[in-house]
Amino acid sequence: MELHNLTNTPGARTRRKRVGRGCGSGMGKTSTRGHKGQAARKGHKQKLGFEGGQMPLVRRLPKRGFNNAAFNAKALGVNLSDLEKKFEAGAEITVESLAKAGFSDNKRPKVKILGSGELTKKFTVKVPCSAAAKAKIEAVGGTVA
């Protein structure tokens, strides 16, 4: 490939439609706006989905189903390796202490401790844990309530 071989892909550069420039252009007289009426006037903008007064498609179709997204809050996963870095030995780990350490926020109040990483410190955990995390915490001598 060299500079003299470079071309645009077909359709990448289209010319601007110049309306109202005489009958010979094919877009003179009414300038592609049709005859009279609201749509022919300047400043006219239709509402999104407006179909000329006909019942819009969105309103013609029936409402169906239920979306559980607002109620189905996923738990925020916190790994054991993260706890090892942020907390001292013997610390009590609660939802509030995790929020203070910067792990969770008000948008995701559910938290779950996951078993990824190694643990050397004892913790008292008062947050839901996975089975692997519980086993690792108890193996070091910590407790899960």
Protein backbone atom coordinates (compact mmCIF):
# COMPACT_ATOMS: atom_id res chain seq x y z
CA MET A 1 0.00 0.00 0.00
CA GLU A 2 1.35 3.42 -1.04
CA LEU A 3 0.00 6.95 -0.86
CA HIS A 4 -1.09 7.05 -4.50
CA ASN A 5 -3.11 3.82 -3.99
CA LEU A 6 -5.20 5.12 -1.07
CA THR A 7 -8.91 5.61 -1.76
CA ASN A 8 -12.02 5.94 0.35
CA THR A 9 -14.30 2.97 0.72
CA PRO A 10 -17.42 3.31 -1.46
CA GLY A 11 -20.10 5.34 0.34
CA ALA A 12 -17.72 6.78 2.92
CA ARG A 13 -17.86 10.30 1.46
CA THR A 14 -21.23 11.44 0.16
CA ARG A 15 -21.97 14.93 -1.13
CA ARG A 16 -24.26 17.22 0.84
CA LYS A 17 -27.79 17.54 -0.57
CA ARG A 18 -28.15 21.15 -1.81
CA VAL A 19 -31.87 21.87 -1.88
CA GLY A 20 -33.65 24.91 -3.27
CA ARG A 21 -31.13 25.58 -6.04
CA GLY A 22 -33.37 25.59 -9.12
CA CYS A 23 -35.59 23.11 -10.93
CA GLY A 24 -32.68 21.55 -12.82
CA SER A 25 -31.23 20.16 -9.61
CA GLY A 26 -34.36 18.06 -9.02
CA MET A 27 -34.63 19.58 -5.55
CA GLY A 28 -35.87 23.07 -6.37
CA LYS A 29 -39.24 24.72 -5.72
CA THR A 30 -40.47 22.98 -2.55
CA SER A 31 -36.96 21.83 -1.60
CA THR A 32 -37.98 18.22 -0.79
CA ARG A 33 -40.55 19.42 1.78
CA GLY A 34 -43.75 18.65 -0.14
CA HIS A 35 -46.60 21.15 -0.50
CA LYS A 36 -47.71 23.47 2.31
CA GLY A 37 -48.63 22.12 5.72
CA GLN A 38 -46.80 22.09 9.04
CA ALA A 39 -43.87 20.02 7.78
CA ALA A 40 -43.15 22.53 4.99
CA ARG A 41 -42.60 25.43 7.44
CA LYS A 42 -39.24 26.39 8.83
CA GLY A 43 -38.42 25.36 12.40
CA HIS A 44 -40.68 22.32 12.20
CA LYS A 45 -39.50 19.36 14.26
CA GLN A 46 -41.63 16.28 14.76
CA LYS A 47 -41.79 14.47 18.05
CA LEU A 48 -39.80 11.24 18.07
CA GLY A 49 -42.07 8.41 16.94
CA PHE A 50 -44.77 10.77 15.60
CA GLU A 51 -46.69 9.19 12.72
CA GLY A 52 -48.82 12.07 11.48
CA GLY A 53 -51.58 11.69 14.04
CA GLN A 54 -51.93 7.95 13.46
CA MET A 55 -51.63 5.87 16.63
CA PRO A 56 -47.85 5.32 16.97
CA LEU A 57 -46.38 1.85 16.78
CA VAL A 58 -45.19 2.01 20.39
CA ARG A 59 -48.76 2.60 21.58
CA ARG A 60 -50.33 0.07 19.17
CA LEU A 61 -48.30 -2.82 20.57
CA PRO A 62 -49.45 -4.40 23.84
CA LYS A 63 -47.45 -4.05 27.02
CA ARG A 64 -46.07 -7.42 28.07
CA GLY A 65 -43.79 -8.93 30.64
CA PHE A 66 -42.08 -7.82 33.81
CA ASN A 67 -38.54 -6.57 34.25
CA ASN A 68 -36.93 -7.55 37.53
CA ALA A 69 -33.72 -5.54 36.99
CA ALA A 70 -34.50 -2.93 39.64
CA PHE A 71 -35.14 -5.56 42.33
CA ASN A 72 -32.48 -8.10 41.35
CA ALA A 73 -29.47 -6.45 42.98
CA LYS A 74 -26.27 -8.44 42.48
CA ALA A 75 -23.84 -8.77 45.37
CA LEU A 76 -20.50 -6.99 45.09
CA GLY A 77 -17.68 -9.54 45.31
CA VAL A 78 -14.71 -8.83 47.59
CA ASN A 79 -11.76 -11.25 47.47
CA LEU A 80 -9.75 -12.47 50.46
CA SER A 81 -6.60 -10.96 48.93
CA ASP A 82 -8.28 -7.53 49.11
CA LEU A 83 -9.15 -8.05 52.79
CA GLU A 84 -5.53 -9.06 53.44
CA LYS A 85 -4.29 -5.73 52.01
CA LYS A 86 -6.83 -3.35 53.60
CA PHE A 87 -7.45 -4.72 57.12
CA GLU A 88 -5.22 -5.43 60.14
CA ALA A 89 -5.20 -8.79 61.92
CA GLY A 90 -8.16 -9.29 64.28
CA ALA A 91 -10.37 -6.78 62.45
CA GLU A 92 -14.14 -7.19 62.43
CA ILE A 93 -15.37 -7.12 58.85
CA THR A 94 -18.91 -5.79 58.39
CA VAL A 95 -20.72 -4.05 55.55
CA GLU A 96 -19.94 -0.69 57.17
CA SER A 97 -16.21 -1.42 57.56
CA LEU A 98 -16.03 -2.54 53.92
CA ALA A 99 -17.74 0.71 52.86
CA LYS A 100 -15.23 2.76 54.89
CA ALA A 101 -12.36 0.85 53.26
CA GLY A 102 -13.77 1.81 49.86
CA PHE A 103 -15.09 -1.56 48.68
CA SER A 104 -18.83 -0.83 48.44
CA ASP A 105 -21.11 2.15 48.14
CA ASN A 106 -24.78 2.98 48.57
CA LYS A 107 -25.59 1.80 45.05
CA ARG A 108 -24.59 -1.82 45.81
CA PRO A 109 -25.32 -2.51 49.49
CA LYS A 110 -25.05 -6.30 49.09
CA VAL A 111 -21.52 -7.62 49.61
CA LYS A 112 -20.13 -11.17 49.47
CA ILE A 113 -16.64 -12.37 50.42
CA LEU A 114 -15.10 -14.57 47.72
CA GLY A 115 -12.29 -17.11 48.18
CA SER A 116 -9.74 -15.79 45.69
CA GLY A 117 -6.27 -15.14 47.14
CA GLU A 118 -4.34 -16.25 50.21
CA LEU A 119 -5.10 -15.24 53.78
CA THR A 120 -2.66 -15.04 56.72
CA LYS A 121 -4.52 -12.77 59.17
CA LYS A 122 -7.38 -13.67 61.52
CA PHE A 123 -10.66 -11.87 60.83
CA THR A 124 -14.12 -11.85 62.37
CA VAL A 125 -16.37 -11.74 59.31
CA LYS A 126 -20.02 -10.70 59.64
CA VAL A 127 -20.74 -10.62 55.91
CA PRO A 128 -22.01 -13.45 53.65
CA CYS A 129 -19.14 -15.62 52.37
CA SER A 130 -18.65 -18.24 49.73
CA ALA A 131 -17.84 -21.78 50.90
CA ALA A 132 -14.20 -21.47 49.78
CA ALA A 133 -13.76 -18.15 51.60
CA LYS A 134 -15.31 -19.55 54.79
CA ALA A 135 -12.95 -22.53 54.71
CA LYS A 136 -9.86 -20.31 54.23
CA ILE A 137 -10.92 -17.87 57.00
CA GLU A 138 -11.53 -20.69 59.47
CA ALA A 139 -8.28 -22.45 58.48
CA VAL A 140 -6.30 -19.36 59.59
CA GLY A 141 -8.25 -19.18 62.87
CA GLY A 142 -10.83 -16.52 62.01
CA THR A 143 -14.58 -16.76 62.51
CA VAL A 144 -17.51 -16.34 60.15
CA ALA A 145 -20.78 -15.27 61.74
